[in-house]
């Protein structure tokens, strides 16, 4: 079994879709990725700001598993789907709500829920939305485009940093879109 690790880190000060890869990103407690358009204590995603700009930002950090890139037909590169952290060796979608991921030596994020992708993903690659959102055998919606998290311990995160998974105590709550 491979060791869980950070493959790539990305941030963008603009509200674009894809984010350029960086040598490192800095996570700030209660804020998100320093210098990223989606960082803040309250929601920063444009559609959510229109609905209620005072709601807490449960989407400070977006993580996607690199293994997703092998499942889709589009040529997806780290940062291409707007994620801040591309991981490898962690089944992100199977984690319960409240899981903490230690990224490197200092940073810790707490998983808040699933990313709910929108039609912008088809502008990146036509047909990609249908590949990352589907239905299981029982008809339930399955979202594969990563998880969202809040920063609970700040620090610098770099490619090849180790990832340690700390599951929450008590009954595990399945992830829902946030």
Protein backbone atom coordinates (compact mmCIF):
# COMPACT_ATOMS: atom_id res chain seq x y z
CA UNK A 1 0.00 0.00 0.00
CA UNK A 2 1.29 3.44 -0.88
CA UNK A 3 1.96 6.09 1.71
CA UNK A 4 -0.59 8.90 1.83
CA UNK A 5 0.96 12.09 0.52
CA UNK A 6 0.38 15.50 -0.99
CA UNK A 7 0.90 15.36 -4.76
CA UNK A 8 0.45 19.05 -5.51
CA UNK A 9 -0.67 22.33 -3.94
CA UNK A 10 -2.47 25.16 -5.74
CA UNK A 11 -3.94 28.58 -5.05
CA UNK A 12 -5.27 31.52 -7.02
CA UNK A 13 -6.10 35.03 -5.87
CA UNK A 14 -8.76 35.24 -8.61
CA UNK A 15 -12.18 33.58 -8.63
CA UNK A 16 -11.32 31.36 -11.58
CA UNK A 17 -11.96 27.65 -11.98
CA UNK A 18 -8.49 26.12 -12.21
CA UNK A 19 -5.74 27.09 -9.79
CA UNK A 20 -2.03 27.29 -10.68
CA UNK A 21 0.28 24.83 -8.95
CA UNK A 22 2.66 26.31 -6.37
CA UNK A 23 5.84 25.17 -4.62
CA UNK A 24 4.01 25.61 -1.30
CA UNK A 25 0.82 27.01 0.20
CA UNK A 26 0.25 28.39 3.69
CA UNK A 27 -2.85 27.36 5.60
CA UNK A 28 -4.25 29.88 8.11
CA UNK A 29 -6.51 28.78 10.98
CA UNK A 30 -10.17 29.67 10.40
CA UNK A 31 -9.30 31.33 7.09
CA UNK A 32 -8.00 28.83 4.52
CA UNK A 33 -5.21 29.11 1.98
CA UNK A 34 -3.33 32.39 2.30
CA UNK A 35 -3.72 34.39 -0.90
CA UNK A 36 -6.54 32.23 -2.31
CA UNK A 37 -9.81 33.79 -3.52
CA UNK A 38 -11.84 31.25 -1.53
CA UNK A 39 -10.12 31.94 1.81
CA UNK A 40 -12.09 33.62 4.57
CA UNK A 41 -14.07 32.98 7.75
CA UNK A 42 -17.34 33.45 5.81
CA UNK A 43 -18.28 32.02 2.41
CA UNK A 44 -16.26 33.24 -0.56
CA UNK A 45 -17.76 31.21 -3.41
CA UNK A 46 -19.60 33.76 -5.55
CA UNK A 47 -22.91 31.85 -5.72
CA UNK A 48 -22.95 31.31 -1.94
CA UNK A 49 -22.09 34.95 -1.19
CA UNK A 50 -25.17 35.99 -3.21
CA UNK A 51 -27.39 33.72 -1.08
CA UNK A 52 -25.98 34.59 2.38
CA UNK A 53 -22.60 36.33 2.74
CA UNK A 54 -22.58 35.80 6.54
CA UNK A 55 -22.65 31.99 6.50
CA UNK A 56 -19.48 30.27 7.79
CA UNK A 57 -16.96 29.13 5.20
CA UNK A 58 -16.93 25.34 5.38
CA UNK A 59 -15.06 25.31 2.04
CA UNK A 60 -11.75 26.93 3.05
CA UNK A 61 -9.63 24.17 1.51
CA UNK A 62 -10.60 21.92 -1.42
CA UNK A 63 -8.89 18.51 -1.62
CA UNK A 64 -9.07 16.05 -4.53
CA UNK A 65 -7.61 12.56 -4.72
CA UNK A 66 -5.20 12.17 -7.65
CA UNK A 67 -6.71 8.76 -8.33
CA UNK A 68 -9.80 10.52 -9.73
CA UNK A 69 -7.69 11.69 -12.68
CA UNK A 70 -7.23 8.02 -13.67
CA UNK A 71 -11.01 7.44 -13.64
CA UNK A 72 -12.02 10.23 -16.02
CA UNK A 73 -11.47 10.49 -19.77
CA UNK A 74 -10.33 14.15 -19.66
CA UNK A 75 -6.67 15.04 -19.21
CA UNK A 76 -6.91 16.53 -15.71
CA UNK A 77 -3.84 17.99 -14.04
CA UNK A 78 -3.42 18.94 -10.36
CA UNK A 79 -5.17 22.25 -9.68
CA UNK A 80 -7.22 21.87 -12.85
CA UNK A 81 -10.48 21.26 -11.01
CA UNK A 82 -9.90 24.13 -8.61
CA UNK A 83 -8.51 22.12 -5.73
CA UNK A 84 -5.94 23.50 -3.31
CA UNK A 85 -4.46 20.12 -2.37
CA UNK A 86 -4.16 17.08 -4.61
CA UNK A 87 -3.70 13.94 -2.50
CA UNK A 88 -2.67 10.36 -3.14
CA UNK A 89 -3.27 7.27 -1.05
CA UNK A 90 -6.26 8.62 0.93
CA UNK A 91 -9.83 7.55 0.10
CA UNK A 92 -11.11 11.09 0.66
CA UNK A 93 -14.70 10.37 -0.38
CA UNK A 94 -15.00 7.57 2.19
CA UNK A 95 -13.90 9.68 5.16
CA UNK A 96 -16.49 10.60 7.80
CA UNK A 97 -17.33 14.22 8.57
CA UNK A 98 -14.92 15.64 11.14
CA UNK A 99 -11.91 13.62 9.99
CA UNK A 100 -8.70 15.55 10.50
CA UNK A 101 -5.93 15.36 7.93
CA UNK A 102 -2.43 16.30 9.04
CA UNK A 103 -0.68 17.74 5.99
CA UNK A 104 3.06 17.86 6.50
CA UNK A 105 4.66 18.88 9.77
CA UNK A 106 2.15 21.43 11.09
CA UNK A 107 -1.03 21.98 9.06
CA UNK A 108 -4.29 20.23 9.96
CA UNK A 109 -7.61 20.46 8.12
CA UNK A 110 -10.97 19.09 9.23
CA UNK A 111 -13.19 17.58 6.55
CA UNK A 112 -16.58 19.30 6.45
CA UNK A 113 -18.22 17.64 3.43
CA UNK A 114 -18.24 16.86 -0.25
CA UNK A 115 -17.64 19.30 -3.04
CA UNK A 116 -20.78 19.74 -5.12
CA UNK A 117 -19.46 20.49 -8.62
CA UNK A 118 -21.32 22.82 -10.94
CA UNK A 119 -21.55 23.18 -14.70
CA UNK A 120 -18.24 25.10 -14.80
CA UNK A 121 -16.53 21.72 -14.74
CA UNK A 122 -17.84 21.09 -18.28
CA UNK A 123 -16.05 24.26 -19.43
CA UNK A 124 -12.81 22.64 -18.26
CA UNK A 125 -13.64 19.47 -20.24
CA UNK A 126 -17.00 18.84 -21.94
CA UNK A 127 -18.79 15.88 -20.37
CA UNK A 128 -16.63 15.86 -17.22
CA UNK A 129 -19.53 16.76 -14.91
CA UNK A 130 -21.30 13.53 -15.87
CA UNK A 131 -18.13 11.61 -14.99
CA UNK A 132 -17.74 13.11 -11.51
CA UNK A 133 -21.44 13.17 -10.54
CA UNK A 134 -23.54 10.11 -11.10
CA UNK A 135 -25.88 7.67 -9.39
CA UNK A 136 -25.20 4.39 -7.63
CA UNK A 137 -27.23 1.18 -8.06
CA UNK A 138 -29.84 2.44 -5.58
CA UNK A 139 -30.20 5.77 -7.40
CA UNK A 140 -28.40 7.90 -4.82
CA UNK A 141 -26.26 10.76 -6.15
CA UNK A 142 -22.51 10.05 -6.01
CA UNK A 143 -20.13 13.02 -6.04
CA UNK A 144 -16.48 12.28 -6.81
CA UNK A 145 -14.91 15.74 -7.14
CA UNK A 146 -13.26 15.89 -3.74
CA UNK A 147 -13.89 17.12 -0.25
CA UNK A 148 -13.96 20.47 1.49
CA UNK A 149 -12.29 21.31 4.78
CA UNK A 150 -11.59 24.04 7.30
CA UNK A 151 -8.14 24.83 8.71
CA UNK A 152 -7.73 23.91 12.40
CA UNK A 153 -3.91 24.21 12.57
CA UNK A 154 -1.93 26.43 10.26
CA UNK A 155 1.30 25.70 8.46
CA UNK A 156 3.05 25.35 5.14
CA UNK A 157 2.06 22.46 2.85
CA UNK A 158 4.26 21.24 0.00
CA UNK A 159 4.19 18.46 -2.59
CA UNK A 160 5.43 15.15 -1.14
CA UNK A 161 4.38 16.07 2.41
CA UNK A 162 3.00 13.09 4.30
CA UNK A 163 -0.72 12.93 5.11
CA UNK A 164 -1.90 11.39 8.38
CA UNK A 165 -5.60 10.60 8.79
CA UNK A 166 -7.18 11.05 12.24
CA UNK A 167 -10.74 9.70 12.33
CA UNK A 168 -13.26 11.34 14.68
CA UNK A 169 -14.44 9.62 17.85
CA UNK A 170 -17.99 8.32 18.05
CA UNK A 171 -20.31 7.26 15.26
CA UNK A 172 -19.08 8.16 11.80
CA UNK A 173 -21.22 10.60 9.84
CA UNK A 174 -21.17 10.19 6.05
CA UNK A 175 -20.11 13.24 4.06
CA UNK A 176 -22.79 15.46 2.54
CA UNK A 177 -22.33 18.33 0.06
CA UNK A 178 -21.29 21.64 1.62
